[in-house]
Amino acid sequence: MARRSKRAVKKPIRQPNAVECIIDRKLRFGEAGCSACKASYSTSINPLTEPIDIYSEWIDECVKLNES
């Protein structure tokens, strides 16, 4: 069975703990999802990846898309 961990991360909106990060270390997969707006982001992970890393990548991708 794959080891999964869930943590809520603060998102820069008015709803605290709206973002939940799921990490599946066996499948090397991480996902962040917002329960308020239903947006999500998934990425590949390494053994050192933490939920804040997935969230930070998501925000960086949003910024990159908004700038282009």
N, C-alpha and C. Protein backbone atom coordinates (compact mmCIF):
# COMPACT_ATOMS: atom_id res chain seq x y z
N MET A 1 0.85 -1.18 0.00
CA MET A 1 0.00 0.00 0.00
C MET A 1 0.89 1.24 0.00
N ALA A 2 0.52 2.21 -0.77
CA ALA A 2 1.29 3.45 -0.89
C ALA A 2 1.14 4.29 0.37
N ARG A 3 2.23 4.92 0.75
CA ARG A 3 2.19 5.81 1.91
C ARG A 3 1.73 7.18 1.45
N ARG A 4 0.66 7.68 2.03
CA ARG A 4 0.11 8.97 1.65
C ARG A 4 0.04 9.85 2.89
N SER A 5 0.29 11.10 2.69
CA SER A 5 0.14 12.03 3.80
C SER A 5 -0.67 13.23 3.32
N LYS A 6 -1.47 13.78 4.21
CA LYS A 6 -2.31 14.94 3.89
C LYS A 6 -2.00 16.04 4.89
N ARG A 7 -1.92 17.25 4.40
CA ARG A 7 -1.76 18.41 5.27
C ARG A 7 -2.48 19.58 4.64
N ALA A 8 -3.03 20.41 5.49
CA ALA A 8 -3.65 21.64 5.01
C ALA A 8 -2.61 22.74 5.02
N VAL A 9 -2.59 23.54 3.96
CA VAL A 9 -1.63 24.62 3.81
C VAL A 9 -2.41 25.92 3.66
N LYS A 10 -1.92 26.98 4.27
CA LYS A 10 -2.60 28.27 4.12
C LYS A 10 -2.43 28.80 2.71
N LYS A 11 -3.49 29.31 2.15
CA LYS A 11 -3.54 29.84 0.80
C LYS A 11 -3.79 31.35 0.90
N PRO A 12 -3.24 32.14 -0.02
CA PRO A 12 -3.44 33.59 0.09
C PRO A 12 -4.86 34.04 -0.28
N ILE A 13 -5.84 33.47 0.37
CA ILE A 13 -7.23 33.89 0.22
C ILE A 13 -7.81 34.03 1.62
N ARG A 14 -9.04 34.35 1.72
CA ARG A 14 -9.65 34.60 3.03
C ARG A 14 -10.05 33.33 3.77
N GLN A 15 -9.90 32.18 3.17
CA GLN A 15 -10.28 30.94 3.82
C GLN A 15 -9.03 30.16 4.25
N PRO A 16 -8.71 30.19 5.53
CA PRO A 16 -7.53 29.45 5.99
C PRO A 16 -7.72 27.95 5.83
N ASN A 17 -6.65 27.26 5.59
CA ASN A 17 -6.63 25.80 5.44
C ASN A 17 -7.51 25.31 4.30
N ALA A 18 -7.66 26.11 3.26
CA ALA A 18 -8.48 25.72 2.10
C ALA A 18 -7.71 24.78 1.17
N VAL A 19 -6.39 24.80 1.24
CA VAL A 19 -5.58 23.96 0.35
C VAL A 19 -5.11 22.72 1.10
N GLU A 20 -5.33 21.58 0.47
CA GLU A 20 -4.88 20.31 1.03
C GLU A 20 -3.86 19.70 0.09
N CYS A 21 -2.75 19.26 0.62
CA CYS A 21 -1.71 18.62 -0.18
C CYS A 21 -1.69 17.13 0.11
N ILE A 22 -1.65 16.35 -0.94
CA ILE A 22 -1.57 14.89 -0.83
C ILE A 22 -0.25 14.46 -1.46
N ILE A 23 0.51 13.68 -0.72
CA ILE A 23 1.80 13.19 -1.22
C ILE A 23 1.76 11.67 -1.22
N ASP A 24 2.01 11.08 -2.38
CA ASP A 24 2.12 9.63 -2.51
C ASP A 24 3.58 9.32 -2.83
N ARG A 25 4.35 9.00 -1.82
CA ARG A 25 5.79 8.80 -1.99
C ARG A 25 6.11 7.57 -2.83
N LYS A 26 5.29 6.54 -2.75
CA LYS A 26 5.54 5.33 -3.53
C LYS A 26 5.39 5.59 -5.03
N LEU A 27 4.38 6.35 -5.39
CA LEU A 27 4.14 6.67 -6.80
C LEU A 27 4.86 7.95 -7.23
N ARG A 28 5.53 8.62 -6.28
CA ARG A 28 6.25 9.87 -6.54
C ARG A 28 5.33 10.92 -7.17
N PHE A 29 4.22 11.14 -6.49
CA PHE A 29 3.17 12.02 -6.99
C PHE A 29 2.71 12.92 -5.87
N GLY A 30 2.54 14.20 -6.16
CA GLY A 30 2.01 15.14 -5.18
C GLY A 30 0.93 15.99 -5.80
N GLU A 31 -0.08 16.32 -5.01
CA GLU A 31 -1.18 17.13 -5.51
C GLU A 31 -1.62 18.12 -4.44
N ALA A 32 -1.91 19.33 -4.87
CA ALA A 32 -2.48 20.35 -4.00
C ALA A 32 -3.83 20.72 -4.58
N GLY A 33 -4.84 20.79 -3.73
CA GLY A 33 -6.18 21.14 -4.19
C GLY A 33 -6.83 22.12 -3.24
N CYS A 34 -7.60 23.03 -3.81
CA CYS A 34 -8.29 24.05 -3.03
C CYS A 34 -9.75 23.64 -2.86
N SER A 35 -10.20 23.54 -1.63
CA SER A 35 -11.60 23.17 -1.39
C SER A 35 -12.56 24.33 -1.64
N ALA A 36 -12.04 25.56 -1.66
CA ALA A 36 -12.90 26.73 -1.89
C ALA A 36 -13.23 26.92 -3.36
N CYS A 37 -12.21 26.84 -4.23
CA CYS A 37 -12.45 27.12 -5.65
C CYS A 37 -12.30 25.88 -6.54
N LYS A 38 -11.97 24.75 -5.95
CA LYS A 38 -11.85 23.45 -6.65
C LYS A 38 -10.68 23.41 -7.64
N ALA A 39 -9.76 24.35 -7.57
CA ALA A 39 -8.57 24.32 -8.42
C ALA A 39 -7.60 23.29 -7.84
N SER A 40 -6.77 22.71 -8.71
CA SER A 40 -5.79 21.75 -8.22
C SER A 40 -4.52 21.82 -9.05
N TYR A 41 -3.46 21.28 -8.49
CA TYR A 41 -2.16 21.25 -9.15
C TYR A 41 -1.49 19.94 -8.77
N SER A 42 -0.92 19.25 -9.73
CA SER A 42 -0.21 18.00 -9.44
C SER A 42 1.18 18.06 -10.05
N THR A 43 2.11 17.34 -9.44
CA THR A 43 3.49 17.35 -9.87
C THR A 43 4.19 16.07 -9.43
N SER A 44 5.32 15.80 -10.02
CA SER A 44 6.13 14.68 -9.56
C SER A 44 6.95 15.15 -8.36
N ILE A 45 7.27 14.23 -7.48
CA ILE A 45 7.99 14.60 -6.26
C ILE A 45 9.25 13.76 -6.12
N ASN A 46 10.09 14.16 -5.17
CA ASN A 46 11.27 13.38 -4.80
C ASN A 46 11.15 13.05 -3.31
N PRO A 47 12.07 12.26 -2.76
CA PRO A 47 11.95 11.88 -1.35
C PRO A 47 11.98 13.04 -0.35
N LEU A 48 12.49 14.19 -0.75
CA LEU A 48 12.59 15.33 0.15
C LEU A 48 11.43 16.30 0.04
N THR A 49 10.50 16.07 -0.87
CA THR A 49 9.38 16.99 -1.10
C THR A 49 8.44 17.04 0.11
N GLU A 50 8.07 18.26 0.48
CA GLU A 50 7.11 18.51 1.55
C GLU A 50 5.89 19.22 0.95
N PRO A 51 4.76 19.25 1.65
CA PRO A 51 3.57 19.92 1.12
C PRO A 51 3.81 21.37 0.72
N ILE A 52 4.62 22.09 1.46
CA ILE A 52 4.89 23.49 1.11
C ILE A 52 5.61 23.61 -0.23
N ASP A 53 6.40 22.60 -0.59
CA ASP A 53 7.08 22.60 -1.89
C ASP A 53 6.09 22.50 -3.03
N ILE A 54 5.09 21.65 -2.88
CA ILE A 54 4.06 21.50 -3.92
C ILE A 54 3.25 22.79 -4.03
N TYR A 55 2.88 23.35 -2.90
CA TYR A 55 2.13 24.60 -2.90
C TYR A 55 2.94 25.73 -3.55
N SER A 56 4.21 25.81 -3.23
CA SER A 56 5.08 26.85 -3.80
C SER A 56 5.20 26.71 -5.31
N GLU A 57 5.34 25.47 -5.79
CA GLU A 57 5.39 25.24 -7.23
C GLU A 57 4.10 25.70 -7.89
N TRP A 58 2.98 25.42 -7.26
CA TRP A 58 1.67 25.81 -7.78
C TRP A 58 1.58 27.32 -7.90
N ILE A 59 1.96 28.04 -6.86
CA ILE A 59 1.93 29.50 -6.88
C ILE A 59 2.88 30.03 -7.95
N ASP A 60 4.07 29.46 -8.06
CA ASP A 60 5.03 29.89 -9.09
C ASP A 60 4.47 29.70 -10.49
N GLU A 61 3.78 28.59 -10.73
CA GLU A 61 3.17 28.35 -12.04
C GLU A 61 2.06 29.36 -12.32
N CYS A 62 1.28 29.69 -11.32
CA CYS A 62 0.22 30.70 -11.48
C CYS A 62 0.82 32.05 -11.83
N VAL A 63 1.87 32.43 -11.14
CA VAL A 63 2.53 33.71 -11.41
C VAL A 63 3.09 33.73 -12.83
N LYS A 64 3.72 32.63 -13.23
CA LYS A 64 4.30 32.53 -14.57
C LYS A 64 3.21 32.66 -15.65
N LEU A 65 2.07 32.01 -15.43
CA LEU A 65 0.97 32.10 -16.40
C LEU A 65 0.36 33.49 -16.45
N ASN A 66 0.27 34.13 -15.30
CA ASN A 66 -0.30 35.48 -15.26
C ASN A 66 0.61 36.53 -15.88
N GLU A 67 1.91 36.29 -15.86
CA GLU A 67 2.87 37.23 -16.44
C GLU A 67 2.95 37.11 -17.97
N SER A 68 2.61 35.95 -18.50
CA SER A 68 2.73 35.78 -19.95
C SER A 68 1.49 36.20 -20.69
